[in-house]
Amino acid sequence: MNVVLLIIIGAAAGFLATRLMRLETDIITTVAIGVAGAIVGGLVLQVLLTVMGAFAGLIGAVLGAMVLIWLWQTYVQKRK
């Protein structure tokens, strides 16, 4: 079941990645890109979380705060 789930997620990730990067590929290549990206991304994220620990939490907090600031500037501040 894990292999099927990896292929489904890989297909979705590959589709999104190829569209964002404006790359035209066939279905097999798209799925392969997505599966490989999921493996690489998962490994990188796991290493970052293991090595960085609390620092990764700080980065997440800063990114979250940046999103909130952007939302505030976009929707709240423009109404004034």
PDB file of N, CA and C in Angstrom:
ATOM      1  N   MET A   1       0.824  -1.194   0.000  1.00  0.00           N
ATOM      2  CA  MET A   1       0.000   0.000   0.000  1.00  0.00           C
ATOM      3  C   MET A   1       0.870   1.260   0.000  1.00  0.00           C
ATOM      4  N   ASN A   2       2.037   1.234   0.668  1.00  0.00           N
ATOM      5  CA  ASN A   2       2.907   2.399   0.710  1.00  0.00           C
ATOM      6  C   ASN A   2       3.409   2.781  -0.675  1.00  0.00           C
ATOM      7  N   VAL A   3       3.680   1.788  -1.527  1.00  0.00           N
ATOM      8  CA  VAL A   3       4.166   2.054  -2.878  1.00  0.00           C
ATOM      9  C   VAL A   3       3.081   2.745  -3.696  1.00  0.00           C
ATOM     10  N   VAL A   4       1.845   2.288  -3.569  1.00  0.00           N
ATOM     11  CA  VAL A   4       0.732   2.905  -4.290  1.00  0.00           C
ATOM     12  C   VAL A   4       0.542   4.344  -3.822  1.00  0.00           C
ATOM     13  N   LEU A   5       0.614   4.563  -2.535  1.00  0.00           N
ATOM     14  CA  LEU A   5       0.473   5.910  -1.992  1.00  0.00           C
ATOM     15  C   LEU A   5       1.610   6.815  -2.468  1.00  0.00           C
ATOM     16  N   LEU A   6       2.824   6.288  -2.509  1.00  0.00           N
ATOM     17  CA  LEU A   6       3.970   7.054  -2.998  1.00  0.00           C
ATOM     18  C   LEU A   6       3.781   7.436  -4.463  1.00  0.00           C
ATOM     19  N   ILE A   7       3.242   6.536  -5.269  1.00  0.00           N
ATOM     20  CA  ILE A   7       3.007   6.834  -6.686  1.00  0.00           C
ATOM     21  C   ILE A   7       1.924   7.889  -6.836  1.00  0.00           C
ATOM     22  N   ILE A   8       0.856   7.806  -6.046  1.00  0.00           N
ATOM     23  CA  ILE A   8      -0.224   8.794  -6.125  1.00  0.00           C
ATOM     24  C   ILE A   8       0.277  10.165  -5.701  1.00  0.00           C
ATOM     25  N   ILE A   9       0.969  10.239  -4.574  1.00  0.00           N
ATOM     26  CA  ILE A   9       1.514  11.510  -4.104  1.00  0.00           C
ATOM     27  C   ILE A   9       2.580  12.018  -5.080  1.00  0.00           C
ATOM     28  N   GLY A  10       3.392  11.099  -5.598  1.00  0.00           N
ATOM     29  CA  GLY A  10       4.405  11.480  -6.572  1.00  0.00           C
ATOM     30  C   GLY A  10       3.795  12.046  -7.839  1.00  0.00           C
ATOM     31  N   ALA A  11       2.696  11.467  -8.280  1.00  0.00           N
ATOM     32  CA  ALA A  11       2.017  11.978  -9.476  1.00  0.00           C
ATOM     33  C   ALA A  11       1.502  13.390  -9.231  1.00  0.00           C
ATOM     34  N   ALA A  12       0.901  13.610  -8.074  1.00  0.00           N
ATOM     35  CA  ALA A  12       0.394  14.946  -7.754  1.00  0.00           C
ATOM     36  C   ALA A  12       1.532  15.951  -7.617  1.00  0.00           C
ATOM     37  N   ALA A  13       2.581  15.564  -6.915  1.00  0.00           N
ATOM     38  CA  ALA A  13       3.722  16.457  -6.719  1.00  0.00           C
ATOM     39  C   ALA A  13       4.423  16.732  -8.041  1.00  0.00           C
ATOM     40  N   GLY A  14       4.588  15.707  -8.861  1.00  0.00           N
ATOM     41  CA  GLY A  14       5.219  15.887 -10.163  1.00  0.00           C
ATOM     42  C   GLY A  14       4.398  16.792 -11.058  1.00  0.00           C
ATOM     43  N   PHE A  15       3.074  16.612 -11.033  1.00  0.00           N
ATOM     44  CA  PHE A  15       2.205  17.472 -11.836  1.00  0.00           C
ATOM     45  C   PHE A  15       2.341  18.926 -11.408  1.00  0.00           C
ATOM     46  N   LEU A  16       2.265  19.174 -10.098  1.00  0.00           N
ATOM     47  CA  LEU A  16       2.388  20.550  -9.610  1.00  0.00           C
ATOM     48  C   LEU A  16       3.759  21.143  -9.922  1.00  0.00           C
ATOM     49  N   ALA A  17       4.816  20.347  -9.714  1.00  0.00           N
ATOM     50  CA  ALA A  17       6.171  20.843  -9.952  1.00  0.00           C
ATOM     51  C   ALA A  17       6.402  21.152 -11.429  1.00  0.00           C
ATOM     52  N   THR A  18       5.936  20.270 -12.314  1.00  0.00           N
ATOM     53  CA  THR A  18       6.149  20.523 -13.742  1.00  0.00           C
ATOM     54  C   THR A  18       5.349  21.724 -14.218  1.00  0.00           C
ATOM     55  N   ARG A  19       4.191  21.945 -13.643  1.00  0.00           N
ATOM     56  CA  ARG A  19       3.392  23.126 -14.033  1.00  0.00           C
ATOM     57  C   ARG A  19       4.025  24.408 -13.491  1.00  0.00           C
ATOM     58  N   LEU A  20       4.497  24.380 -12.245  1.00  0.00           N
ATOM     59  CA  LEU A  20       5.139  25.556 -11.664  1.00  0.00           C
ATOM     60  C   LEU A  20       6.429  25.916 -12.395  1.00  0.00           C
ATOM     61  N   MET A  21       7.147  24.909 -12.862  1.00  0.00           N
ATOM     62  CA  MET A  21       8.408  25.142 -13.564  1.00  0.00           C
ATOM     63  C   MET A  21       8.205  25.268 -15.079  1.00  0.00           C
ATOM     64  N   ARG A  22       6.939  25.210 -15.516  1.00  0.00           N
ATOM     65  CA  ARG A  22       6.573  25.306 -16.935  1.00  0.00           C
ATOM     66  C   ARG A  22       7.332  24.284 -17.792  1.00  0.00           C
ATOM     67  N   LEU A  23       7.244  23.027 -17.379  1.00  0.00           N
ATOM     68  CA  LEU A  23       7.919  21.935 -18.055  1.00  0.00           C
ATOM     69  C   LEU A  23       6.864  20.981 -18.598  1.00  0.00           C
ATOM     70  N   GLU A  24       6.924  20.691 -19.886  1.00  0.00           N
ATOM     71  CA  GLU A  24       5.973  19.772 -20.505  1.00  0.00           C
ATOM     72  C   GLU A  24       6.595  18.377 -20.567  1.00  0.00           C
ATOM     73  N   THR A  25       6.026  17.420 -19.837  1.00  0.00           N
ATOM     74  CA  THR A  25       6.540  16.053 -19.816  1.00  0.00           C
ATOM     75  C   THR A  25       5.380  15.078 -19.953  1.00  0.00           C
ATOM     76  N   ASP A  26       5.719  13.816 -20.260  1.00  0.00           N
ATOM     77  CA  ASP A  26       4.688  12.788 -20.317  1.00  0.00           C
ATOM     78  C   ASP A  26       4.349  12.315 -18.902  1.00  0.00           C
ATOM     79  N   ILE A  27       3.377  11.442 -18.794  1.00  0.00           N
ATOM     80  CA  ILE A  27       2.878  11.014 -17.480  1.00  0.00           C
ATOM     81  C   ILE A  27       3.949  10.265 -16.689  1.00  0.00           C
ATOM     82  N   ILE A  28       4.672   9.354 -17.341  1.00  0.00           N
ATOM     83  CA  ILE A  28       5.687   8.556 -16.645  1.00  0.00           C
ATOM     84  C   ILE A  28       6.783   9.457 -16.086  1.00  0.00           C
ATOM     85  N   THR A  29       7.248  10.408 -16.875  1.00  0.00           N
ATOM     86  CA  THR A  29       8.293  11.326 -16.412  1.00  0.00           C
ATOM     87  C   THR A  29       7.785  12.196 -15.277  1.00  0.00           C
ATOM     88  N   THR A  30       6.535  12.647 -15.384  1.00  0.00           N
ATOM     89  CA  THR A  30       5.943  13.475 -14.339  1.00  0.00           C
ATOM     90  C   THR A  30       5.878  12.718 -13.019  1.00  0.00           C
ATOM     91  N   VAL A  31       5.433  11.467 -13.073  1.00  0.00           N
ATOM     92  CA  VAL A  31       5.356  10.644 -11.857  1.00  0.00           C
ATOM     93  C   VAL A  31       6.760  10.383 -11.314  1.00  0.00           C
ATOM     94  N   ALA A  32       7.718  10.092 -12.196  1.00  0.00           N
ATOM     95  CA  ALA A  32       9.090   9.825 -11.753  1.00  0.00           C
ATOM     96  C   ALA A  32       9.696  11.049 -11.081  1.00  0.00           C
ATOM     97  N   ILE A  33       9.453  12.221 -11.659  1.00  0.00           N
ATOM     98  CA  ILE A  33       9.944  13.462 -11.049  1.00  0.00           C
ATOM     99  C   ILE A  33       9.312  13.649  -9.673  1.00  0.00           C
ATOM    100  N   GLY A  34       8.026  13.411  -9.566  1.00  0.00           N
ATOM    101  CA  GLY A  34       7.332  13.575  -8.295  1.00  0.00           C
ATOM    102  C   GLY A  34       7.792  12.595  -7.237  1.00  0.00           C
ATOM    103  N   VAL A  35       7.958  11.329  -7.604  1.00  0.00           N
ATOM    104  CA  VAL A  35       8.409  10.319  -6.642  1.00  0.00           C
ATOM    105  C   VAL A  35       9.833  10.631  -6.182  1.00  0.00           C
ATOM    106  N   ALA A  36      10.717  10.956  -7.138  1.00  0.00           N
ATOM    107  CA  ALA A  36      12.088  11.304  -6.770  1.00  0.00           C
ATOM    108  C   ALA A  36      12.113  12.559  -5.900  1.00  0.00           C
ATOM    109  N   GLY A  37      11.295  13.535  -6.247  1.00  0.00           N
ATOM    110  CA  GLY A  37      11.223  14.758  -5.440  1.00  0.00           C
ATOM    111  C   GLY A  37      10.709  14.487  -4.040  1.00  0.00           C
ATOM    112  N   ALA A  38       9.735  13.583  -3.911  1.00  0.00           N
ATOM    113  CA  ALA A  38       9.210  13.230  -2.588  1.00  0.00           C
ATOM    114  C   ALA A  38      10.280  12.547  -1.747  1.00  0.00           C
ATOM    115  N   ILE A  39      11.065  11.680  -2.368  1.00  0.00           N
ATOM    116  CA  ILE A  39      12.127  10.989  -1.634  1.00  0.00           C
ATOM    117  C   ILE A  39      13.202  11.978  -1.203  1.00  0.00           C
ATOM    118  N   VAL A  40      13.676  12.792  -2.152  1.00  0.00           N
ATOM    119  CA  VAL A  40      14.720  13.775  -1.834  1.00  0.00           C
ATOM    120  C   VAL A  40      14.212  14.787  -0.812  1.00  0.00           C
ATOM    121  N   GLY A  41      13.024  15.322  -1.040  1.00  0.00           N
ATOM    122  CA  GLY A  41      12.463  16.300  -0.109  1.00  0.00           C
ATOM    123  C   GLY A  41      12.248  15.730   1.275  1.00  0.00           C
ATOM    124  N   GLY A  42      11.789  14.480   1.344  1.00  0.00           N
ATOM    125  CA  GLY A  42      11.597  13.833   2.637  1.00  0.00           C
ATOM    126  C   GLY A  42      12.904  13.638   3.380  1.00  0.00           C
ATOM    127  N   LEU A  43      13.929  13.225   2.655  1.00  0.00           N
ATOM    128  CA  LEU A  43      15.243  13.048   3.288  1.00  0.00           C
ATOM    129  C   LEU A  43      15.821  14.373   3.765  1.00  0.00           C
ATOM    130  N   VAL A  44      15.726  15.394   2.926  1.00  0.00           N
ATOM    131  CA  VAL A  44      16.247  16.714   3.307  1.00  0.00           C
ATOM    132  C   VAL A  44      15.500  17.249   4.519  1.00  0.00           C
ATOM    133  N   LEU A  45      14.180  17.134   4.512  1.00  0.00           N
ATOM    134  CA  LEU A  45      13.390  17.616   5.651  1.00  0.00           C
ATOM    135  C   LEU A  45      13.728  16.846   6.923  1.00  0.00           C
ATOM    136  N   GLN A  46      13.889  15.546   6.799  1.00  0.00           N
ATOM    137  CA  GLN A  46      14.232  14.729   7.971  1.00  0.00           C
ATOM    138  C   GLN A  46      15.599  15.126   8.537  1.00  0.00           C
ATOM    139  N   VAL A  47      16.562  15.338   7.661  1.00  0.00           N
ATOM    140  CA  VAL A  47      17.896  15.747   8.114  1.00  0.00           C
ATOM    141  C   VAL A  47      17.831  17.124   8.761  1.00  0.00           C
ATOM    142  N   LEU A  48      17.121  18.050   8.136  1.00  0.00           N
ATOM    143  CA  LEU A  48      17.016  19.395   8.702  1.00  0.00           C
ATOM    144  C   LEU A  48      16.365  19.380  10.079  1.00  0.00           C
ATOM    145  N   LEU A  49      15.294  18.608  10.206  1.00  0.00           N
ATOM    146  CA  LEU A  49      14.617  18.550  11.502  1.00  0.00           C
ATOM    147  C   LEU A  49      15.476  17.875  12.561  1.00  0.00           C
ATOM    148  N   THR A  50      16.249  16.881  12.159  1.00  0.00           N
ATOM    149  CA  THR A  50      17.121  16.195  13.109  1.00  0.00           C
ATOM    150  C   THR A  50      18.279  17.082  13.531  1.00  0.00           C
ATOM    151  N   VAL A  51      18.930  17.707  12.569  1.00  0.00           N
ATOM    152  CA  VAL A  51      20.111  18.513  12.848  1.00  0.00           C
ATOM    153  C   VAL A  51      19.727  19.846  13.480  1.00  0.00           C
ATOM    154  N   MET A  52      18.738  20.468  12.948  1.00  0.00           N
ATOM    155  CA  MET A  52      18.401  21.821  13.381  1.00  0.00           C
ATOM    156  C   MET A  52      17.572  21.855  14.660  1.00  0.00           C
ATOM    157  N   GLY A  53      16.698  20.899  14.848  1.00  0.00           N
ATOM    158  CA  GLY A  53      15.885  20.854  16.051  1.00  0.00           C
ATOM    159  C   GLY A  53      15.121  22.134  16.295  1.00  0.00           C
ATOM    160  N   ALA A  54      15.481  22.838  17.351  1.00  0.00           N
ATOM    161  CA  ALA A  54      14.781  24.064  17.734  1.00  0.00           C
ATOM    162  C   ALA A  54      14.962  25.159  16.693  1.00  0.00           C
ATOM    163  N   PHE A  55      16.102  25.159  16.007  1.00  0.00           N
ATOM    164  CA  PHE A  55      16.338  26.173  14.986  1.00  0.00           C
ATOM    165  C   PHE A  55      15.341  26.029  13.847  1.00  0.00           C
ATOM    166  N   ALA A  56      14.963  24.788  13.517  1.00  0.00           N
ATOM    167  CA  ALA A  56      13.943  24.566  12.498  1.00  0.00           C
ATOM    168  C   ALA A  56      12.608  25.130  12.974  1.00  0.00           C
ATOM    169  N   GLY A  57      12.332  25.002  14.257  1.00  0.00           N
ATOM    170  CA  GLY A  57      11.121  25.601  14.813  1.00  0.00           C
ATOM    171  C   GLY A  57      11.138  27.109  14.694  1.00  0.00           C
ATOM    172  N   LEU A  58      12.310  27.709  14.907  1.00  0.00           N
ATOM    173  CA  LEU A  58      12.447  29.153  14.756  1.00  0.00           C
ATOM    174  C   LEU A  58      12.185  29.570  13.315  1.00  0.00           C
ATOM    175  N   ILE A  59      12.740  28.819  12.365  1.00  0.00           N
ATOM    176  CA  ILE A  59      12.514  29.127  10.960  1.00  0.00           C
ATOM    177  C   ILE A  59      11.022  29.022  10.623  1.00  0.00           C
ATOM    178  N   GLY A  60      10.374  27.976  11.113  1.00  0.00           N
ATOM    179  CA  GLY A  60       8.941  27.819  10.901  1.00  0.00           C
ATOM    180  C   GLY A  60       8.148  28.961  11.512  1.00  0.00           C
ATOM    181  N   ALA A  61       8.553  29.397  12.694  1.00  0.00           N
ATOM    182  CA  ALA A  61       7.860  30.507  13.352  1.00  0.00           C
ATOM    183  C   ALA A  61       8.033  31.798  12.560  1.00  0.00           C
ATOM    184  N   VAL A  62       9.245  32.034  12.062  1.00  0.00           N
ATOM    185  CA  VAL A  62       9.492  33.244  11.266  1.00  0.00           C
ATOM    186  C   VAL A  62       8.674  33.202   9.979  1.00  0.00           C
ATOM    187  N   LEU A  63       8.653  32.055   9.306  1.00  0.00           N
ATOM    188  CA  LEU A  63       7.860  31.943   8.084  1.00  0.00           C
ATOM    189  C   LEU A  63       6.371  32.143   8.362  1.00  0.00           C
ATOM    190  N   GLY A  64       5.892  31.576   9.449  1.00  0.00           N
ATOM    191  CA  GLY A  64       4.495  31.776   9.825  1.00  0.00           C
ATOM    192  C   GLY A  64       4.185  33.231  10.113  1.00  0.00           C
ATOM    193  N   ALA A  65       5.085  33.907  10.808  1.00  0.00           N
ATOM    194  CA  ALA A  65       4.889  35.330  11.098  1.00  0.00           C
ATOM    195  C   ALA A  65       4.910  36.150   9.820  1.00  0.00           C
ATOM    196  N   MET A  66       5.773  35.782   8.885  1.00  0.00           N
ATOM    197  CA  MET A  66       5.827  36.496   7.613  1.00  0.00           C
ATOM    198  C   MET A  66       4.522  36.354   6.840  1.00  0.00           C
ATOM    199  N   VAL A  67       3.933  35.166   6.872  1.00  0.00           N
ATOM    200  CA  VAL A  67       2.651  34.952   6.201  1.00  0.00           C
ATOM    201  C   VAL A  67       1.571  35.800   6.855  1.00  0.00           C
ATOM    202  N   LEU A  68       1.553  35.838   8.182  1.00  0.00           N
ATOM    203  CA  LEU A  68       0.563  36.658   8.872  1.00  0.00           C
ATOM    204  C   LEU A  68       0.739  38.138   8.574  1.00  0.00           C
ATOM    205  N   ILE A  69       1.978  38.600   8.512  1.00  0.00           N
ATOM    206  CA  ILE A  69       2.233  40.004   8.168  1.00  0.00           C
ATOM    207  C   ILE A  69       1.749  40.298   6.756  1.00  0.00           C
ATOM    208  N   TRP A  70       2.033  39.381   5.822  1.00  0.00           N
ATOM    209  CA  TRP A  70       1.581  39.573   4.448  1.00  0.00           C
ATOM    210  C   TRP A  70       0.053  39.627   4.379  1.00  0.00           C
ATOM    211  N   LEU A  71      -0.623  38.710   5.091  1.00  0.00           N
ATOM    212  CA  LEU A  71      -2.088  38.729   5.113  1.00  0.00           C
ATOM    213  C   LEU A  71      -2.611  40.031   5.707  1.00  0.00           C
ATOM    214  N   TRP A  72      -1.995  40.492   6.785  1.00  0.00           N
ATOM    215  CA  TRP A  72      -2.422  41.726   7.418  1.00  0.00           C
ATOM    216  C   TRP A  72      -2.238  42.912   6.468  1.00  0.00           C
ATOM    217  N   GLN A  73      -1.080  42.983   5.811  1.00  0.00           N
ATOM    218  CA  GLN A  73      -0.820  44.084   4.889  1.00  0.00           C
ATOM    219  C   GLN A  73      -1.751  44.019   3.678  1.00  0.00           C
ATOM    220  N   THR A  74      -2.060  42.837   3.222  1.00  0.00           N
ATOM    221  CA  THR A  74      -2.883  42.678   2.023  1.00  0.00           C
ATOM    222  C   THR A  74      -4.353  42.955   2.293  1.00  0.00           C
ATOM    223  N   TYR A  75      -4.882  42.455   3.397  1.00  0.00           N
ATOM    224  CA  TYR A  75      -6.321  42.528   3.612  1.00  0.00           C
ATOM    225  C   TYR A  75      -6.767  43.550   4.661  1.00  0.00           C
ATOM    226  N   VAL A  76      -5.982  43.776   5.690  1.00  0.00           N
ATOM    227  CA  VAL A  76      -6.409  44.662   6.765  1.00  0.00           C
ATOM    228  C   VAL A  76      -5.964  46.086   6.485  1.00  0.00           C
ATOM    229  N   GLN A  77      -4.709  46.263   6.173  1.00  0.00           N
ATOM    230  CA  GLN A  77      -4.148  47.588   6.011  1.00  0.00           C
ATOM    231  C   GLN A  77      -4.726  48.298   4.796  1.00  0.00           C
ATOM    232  N   LYS A  78      -5.090  47.599   3.742  1.00  0.00           N
ATOM    233  CA  LYS A  78      -5.641  48.218   2.538  1.00  0.00           C
ATOM    234  C   LYS A  78      -7.031  48.772   2.764  1.00  0.00           C
ATOM    235  N   ARG A  79      -7.738  48.265   3.759  1.00  0.00           N
ATOM    236  CA  ARG A  79      -9.112  48.729   4.031  1.00  0.00           C
ATOM    237  C   ARG A  79      -9.137  50.084   4.686  1.00  0.00           C
ATOM    238  N   LYS A  80      -8.026  50.508   5.271  1.00  0.00           N
ATOM    239  CA  LYS A  80      -7.983  51.776   5.972  1.00  0.00           C
ATOM    240  C   LYS A  80      -7.926  52.933   5.012  1.00  0.00           C
TER     241      LYS A  80
END
